[in-house]
Amino acid sequence: MFTQLRSDESGLTLIELTIVIVILGILAAFIAPRVINAPQQAKVAKAQTEINSIKTALEQYAITTGEYPTTEQGLSALWRAPSPAPANWDGPYVDSPNFTDPWDNAYVYRQPGTHYGYDYDLYSMGKDGKVGGTELDSDITNWVDETTAAY
């Protein structure tokens, strides 16, 4: 009725089990930060794509009307003719009037721009909603900051 255990049967010892748990812990330590930041990295990529789309719409607006919308007219001039309407306004220049970034903050638009070589400033303040920041909190802009390093 009862089967007798043979002494040569193998199983996991406590040491083997401990080693497996340590290896899994090390793997989790390397993989977890990448998985946790993936949604935020996707939002940064989405904001960059949206800024590029708005840039294209602003260029179409400027080609058609001869100038960019003013800061007061804002990005809504791409959806609805501003008042007073430019003579050649031929919009809408965007598919929808949604000008908010993936963190539900409005994109900032200024014309004329404050960065050399750019007609306007267009940016998102990133995850933290504040100017500046580093990594995932950094601003997503239409301009490129050029820093000169002394060699």
C-alpha atoms as a PDB file:
ATOM      1  CA  MET A   1       0.000   0.000   0.000  1.00  0.00           C
ATOM      2  CA  PHE A   2       2.587   2.457   0.973  1.00  0.00           C
ATOM      3  CA  THR A   3       5.415   2.933  -1.422  1.00  0.00           C
ATOM      4  CA  GLN A   4       8.739   3.258   0.124  1.00  0.00           C
ATOM      5  CA  LEU A   5      10.881   6.240  -0.976  1.00  0.00           C
ATOM      6  CA  ARG A   6      14.107   5.283  -2.533  1.00  0.00           C
ATOM      7  CA  SER A   7      17.178   7.037  -1.270  1.00  0.00           C
ATOM      8  CA  ASP A   8      18.382   7.868  -4.797  1.00  0.00           C
ATOM      9  CA  GLU A   9      15.377  10.064  -5.708  1.00  0.00           C
ATOM     10  CA  SER A  10      16.411  13.580  -6.634  1.00  0.00           C
ATOM     11  CA  GLY A  11      14.789  16.837  -5.553  1.00  0.00           C
ATOM     12  CA  LEU A  12      15.642  20.472  -4.953  1.00  0.00           C
ATOM     13  CA  THR A  13      17.754  21.255  -1.993  1.00  0.00           C
ATOM     14  CA  LEU A  14      17.445  24.475  -0.053  1.00  0.00           C
ATOM     15  CA  ILE A  15      20.721  25.746  -1.529  1.00  0.00           C
ATOM     16  CA  GLU A  16      19.579  25.101  -5.108  1.00  0.00           C
ATOM     17  CA  LEU A  17      16.294  26.837  -4.431  1.00  0.00           C
ATOM     18  CA  THR A  18      18.125  29.817  -2.901  1.00  0.00           C
ATOM     19  CA  ILE A  19      20.397  30.099  -5.958  1.00  0.00           C
ATOM     20  CA  VAL A  20      17.385  30.115  -8.298  1.00  0.00           C
ATOM     21  CA  ILE A  21      15.694  32.855  -6.244  1.00  0.00           C
ATOM     22  CA  VAL A  22      18.875  34.975  -6.257  1.00  0.00           C
ATOM     23  CA  ILE A  23      19.218  34.618 -10.050  1.00  0.00           C
ATOM     24  CA  LEU A  24      15.569  35.630 -10.540  1.00  0.00           C
ATOM     25  CA  GLY A  25      16.123  38.629  -8.258  1.00  0.00           C
ATOM     26  CA  ILE A  26      19.146  39.762 -10.274  1.00  0.00           C
ATOM     27  CA  LEU A  27      17.216  39.446 -13.543  1.00  0.00           C
ATOM     28  CA  ALA A  28      14.295  41.395 -12.098  1.00  0.00           C
ATOM     29  CA  ALA A  29      16.653  44.165 -10.963  1.00  0.00           C
ATOM     30  CA  PHE A  30      17.842  44.656 -14.556  1.00  0.00           C
ATOM     31  CA  ILE A  31      14.490  44.251 -16.313  1.00  0.00           C
ATOM     32  CA  ALA A  32      12.111  46.097 -13.951  1.00  0.00           C
ATOM     33  CA  PRO A  33      13.414  49.659 -14.569  1.00  0.00           C
ATOM     34  CA  ARG A  34      13.061  49.203 -18.315  1.00  0.00           C
ATOM     35  CA  VAL A  35       9.522  47.894 -18.045  1.00  0.00           C
ATOM     36  CA  ILE A  36       8.454  50.541 -15.531  1.00  0.00           C
ATOM     37  CA  ASN A  37       9.727  53.444 -17.710  1.00  0.00           C
ATOM     38  CA  ALA A  38       8.316  52.075 -20.990  1.00  0.00           C
ATOM     39  CA  PRO A  39       4.944  53.910 -20.776  1.00  0.00           C
ATOM     40  CA  GLN A  40       6.666  57.230 -20.017  1.00  0.00           C
ATOM     41  CA  GLN A  41       9.136  56.720 -22.873  1.00  0.00           C
ATOM     42  CA  ALA A  42       6.183  56.053 -25.168  1.00  0.00           C
ATOM     43  CA  LYS A  43       4.594  59.349 -24.058  1.00  0.00           C
ATOM     44  CA  VAL A  44       7.826  61.201 -24.867  1.00  0.00           C
ATOM     45  CA  ALA A  45       7.867  59.623 -28.342  1.00  0.00           C
ATOM     46  CA  LYS A  46       4.199  60.548 -28.822  1.00  0.00           C
ATOM     47  CA  ALA A  47       4.903  64.174 -27.839  1.00  0.00           C
ATOM     48  CA  GLN A  48       7.806  64.327 -30.317  1.00  0.00           C
ATOM     49  CA  THR A  49       5.559  62.967 -33.067  1.00  0.00           C
ATOM     50  CA  GLU A  50       2.770  65.421 -32.238  1.00  0.00           C
ATOM     51  CA  ILE A  51       5.201  68.367 -32.236  1.00  0.00           C
ATOM     52  CA  ASN A  52       6.442  67.302 -35.671  1.00  0.00           C
ATOM     53  CA  SER A  53       2.844  67.128 -36.929  1.00  0.00           C
ATOM     54  CA  ILE A  54       2.076  70.581 -35.545  1.00  0.00           C
ATOM     55  CA  LYS A  55       5.299  71.898 -37.132  1.00  0.00           C
ATOM     56  CA  THR A  56       4.121  70.603 -40.498  1.00  0.00           C
ATOM     57  CA  ALA A  57       0.731  72.281 -40.029  1.00  0.00           C
ATOM     58  CA  LEU A  58       2.439  75.556 -39.031  1.00  0.00           C
ATOM     59  CA  GLU A  59       4.590  75.404 -42.165  1.00  0.00           C
ATOM     60  CA  GLN A  60       1.486  74.857 -44.328  1.00  0.00           C
ATOM     61  CA  TYR A  61      -0.212  77.782 -42.583  1.00  0.00           C
ATOM     62  CA  ALA A  62       2.813  80.019 -43.183  1.00  0.00           C
ATOM     63  CA  ILE A  63       3.086  79.022 -46.845  1.00  0.00           C
ATOM     64  CA  THR A  64      -0.608  79.732 -47.408  1.00  0.00           C
ATOM     65  CA  THR A  65      -0.954  82.957 -45.425  1.00  0.00           C
ATOM     66  CA  GLY A  66       2.590  84.304 -45.642  1.00  0.00           C
ATOM     67  CA  GLU A  67       3.195  84.316 -41.880  1.00  0.00           C
ATOM     68  CA  TYR A  68       2.911  82.138 -38.796  1.00  0.00           C
ATOM     69  CA  PRO A  69       0.043  82.582 -36.343  1.00  0.00           C
ATOM     70  CA  THR A  70       0.841  85.045 -33.578  1.00  0.00           C
ATOM     71  CA  THR A  71       1.187  83.965 -29.964  1.00  0.00           C
ATOM     72  CA  GLU A  72      -2.226  85.506 -29.268  1.00  0.00           C
ATOM     73  CA  GLN A  73      -3.848  83.553 -32.119  1.00  0.00           C
ATOM     74  CA  GLY A  74      -2.132  80.414 -30.895  1.00  0.00           C
ATOM     75  CA  LEU A  75      -2.320  76.932 -32.297  1.00  0.00           C
ATOM     76  CA  SER A  76      -6.106  77.167 -32.616  1.00  0.00           C
ATOM     77  CA  ALA A  77      -5.477  79.230 -35.771  1.00  0.00           C
ATOM     78  CA  LEU A  78      -4.535  75.920 -37.387  1.00  0.00           C
ATOM     79  CA  TRP A  79      -8.075  74.619 -36.788  1.00  0.00           C
ATOM     80  CA  ARG A  80     -10.244  77.715 -37.088  1.00  0.00           C
ATOM     81  CA  ALA A  81      -9.567  80.963 -38.918  1.00  0.00           C
ATOM     82  CA  PRO A  82      -8.291  83.567 -36.456  1.00  0.00           C
ATOM     83  CA  SER A  83      -9.889  86.964 -36.109  1.00  0.00           C
ATOM     84  CA  PRO A  84      -9.117  88.887 -38.194  1.00  0.00           C
ATOM     85  CA  ALA A  85      -8.671  86.054 -40.671  1.00  0.00           C
ATOM     86  CA  PRO A  86      -5.619  86.159 -42.952  1.00  0.00           C
ATOM     87  CA  ALA A  87      -6.568  86.723 -46.593  1.00  0.00           C
ATOM     88  CA  ASN A  88      -5.435  83.309 -47.805  1.00  0.00           C
ATOM     89  CA  TRP A  89      -6.390  81.159 -44.799  1.00  0.00           C
ATOM     90  CA  ASP A  90      -7.229  77.753 -46.256  1.00  0.00           C
ATOM     91  CA  GLY A  91      -7.630  75.577 -43.172  1.00  0.00           C
ATOM     92  CA  PRO A  92      -8.098  73.644 -41.166  1.00  0.00           C
ATOM     93  CA  TYR A  93      -4.449  72.579 -41.224  1.00  0.00           C
ATOM     94  CA  VAL A  94      -4.826  69.851 -38.575  1.00  0.00           C
ATOM     95  CA  ASP A  95      -7.196  66.886 -38.239  1.00  0.00           C
ATOM     96  CA  SER A  96      -8.410  67.815 -34.751  1.00  0.00           C
ATOM     97  CA  PRO A  97      -8.183  70.824 -32.429  1.00  0.00           C
ATOM     98  CA  ASN A  98      -6.405  68.836 -29.702  1.00  0.00           C
ATOM     99  CA  PHE A  99      -3.248  70.722 -28.738  1.00  0.00           C
ATOM    100  CA  THR A 100      -2.483  68.964 -25.460  1.00  0.00           C
ATOM    101  CA  ASP A 101       0.541  66.774 -24.817  1.00  0.00           C
ATOM    102  CA  PRO A 102       0.355  63.172 -23.530  1.00  0.00           C
ATOM    103  CA  TRP A 103       0.389  64.489 -19.925  1.00  0.00           C
ATOM    104  CA  ASP A 104      -2.722  66.637 -20.606  1.00  0.00           C
ATOM    105  CA  ASN A 105      -0.845  69.945 -20.598  1.00  0.00           C
ATOM    106  CA  ALA A 106      -1.248  72.414 -23.446  1.00  0.00           C
ATOM    107  CA  TYR A 107       1.632  72.686 -25.914  1.00  0.00           C
ATOM    108  CA  VAL A 108       3.353  76.038 -25.553  1.00  0.00           C
ATOM    109  CA  TYR A 109       3.522  78.129 -28.738  1.00  0.00           C
ATOM    110  CA  ARG A 110       5.287  81.493 -29.070  1.00  0.00           C
ATOM    111  CA  GLN A 111       5.791  83.536 -32.192  1.00  0.00           C
ATOM    112  CA  PRO A 112       8.278  85.066 -32.696  1.00  0.00           C
ATOM    113  CA  GLY A 113      10.523  82.414 -31.207  1.00  0.00           C
ATOM    114  CA  THR A 114      13.253  83.084 -28.676  1.00  0.00           C
ATOM    115  CA  HIS A 115      15.748  80.594 -30.107  1.00  0.00           C
ATOM    116  CA  TYR A 116      18.172  81.674 -32.813  1.00  0.00           C
ATOM    117  CA  GLY A 117      17.269  80.300 -36.230  1.00  0.00           C
ATOM    118  CA  TYR A 118      13.684  79.375 -35.356  1.00  0.00           C
ATOM    119  CA  ASP A 119      10.613  81.427 -36.289  1.00  0.00           C
ATOM    120  CA  TYR A 120       8.578  80.145 -33.362  1.00  0.00           C
ATOM    121  CA  ASP A 121       8.886  78.131 -30.157  1.00  0.00           C
ATOM    122  CA  LEU A 122       6.743  75.031 -29.809  1.00  0.00           C
ATOM    123  CA  TYR A 123       7.241  72.696 -26.880  1.00  0.00           C
ATOM    124  CA  SER A 124       5.864  70.433 -24.199  1.00  0.00           C
ATOM    125  CA  MET A 125       7.173  70.760 -20.666  1.00  0.00           C
ATOM    126  CA  GLY A 126       7.288  66.979 -20.316  1.00  0.00           C
ATOM    127  CA  LYS A 127       6.116  64.735 -17.536  1.00  0.00           C
ATOM    128  CA  ASP A 128       6.717  67.181 -14.665  1.00  0.00           C
ATOM    129  CA  GLY A 129       4.899  70.086 -16.376  1.00  0.00           C
ATOM    130  CA  LYS A 130       7.769  72.469 -15.534  1.00  0.00           C
ATOM    131  CA  VAL A 131      10.295  74.202 -17.755  1.00  0.00           C
ATOM    132  CA  GLY A 132      13.577  72.302 -17.923  1.00  0.00           C
ATOM    133  CA  GLY A 133      14.154  68.961 -16.303  1.00  0.00           C
ATOM    134  CA  THR A 134      16.181  65.895 -17.072  1.00  0.00           C
ATOM    135  CA  GLU A 135      15.465  62.497 -18.591  1.00  0.00           C
ATOM    136  CA  LEU A 136      11.694  61.843 -18.663  1.00  0.00           C
ATOM    137  CA  ASP A 137      10.969  65.273 -17.144  1.00  0.00           C
ATOM    138  CA  SER A 138      12.862  67.173 -19.863  1.00  0.00           C
ATOM    139  CA  ASP A 139      11.109  69.484 -22.304  1.00  0.00           C
ATOM    140  CA  ILE A 140      10.260  68.247 -25.801  1.00  0.00           C
ATOM    141  CA  THR A 141      10.910  71.105 -28.237  1.00  0.00           C
ATOM    142  CA  ASN A 142      10.895  72.057 -31.906  1.00  0.00           C
ATOM    143  CA  TRP A 143      14.390  73.514 -31.581  1.00  0.00           C
ATOM    144  CA  VAL A 144      17.741  71.893 -30.989  1.00  0.00           C
ATOM    145  CA  ASP A 145      19.871  73.200 -28.152  1.00  0.00           C
ATOM    146  CA  GLU A 146      23.376  73.526 -29.460  1.00  0.00           C
ATOM    147  CA  THR A 147      26.016  73.553 -26.796  1.00  0.00           C
ATOM    148  CA  THR A 148      29.588  74.190 -27.670  1.00  0.00           C
ATOM    149  CA  ALA A 149      32.133  72.220 -25.769  1.00  0.00           C
ATOM    150  CA  ALA A 150      35.748  73.367 -25.514  1.00  0.00           C
ATOM    151  CA  TYR A 151      38.126  70.744 -26.781  1.00  0.00           C
END
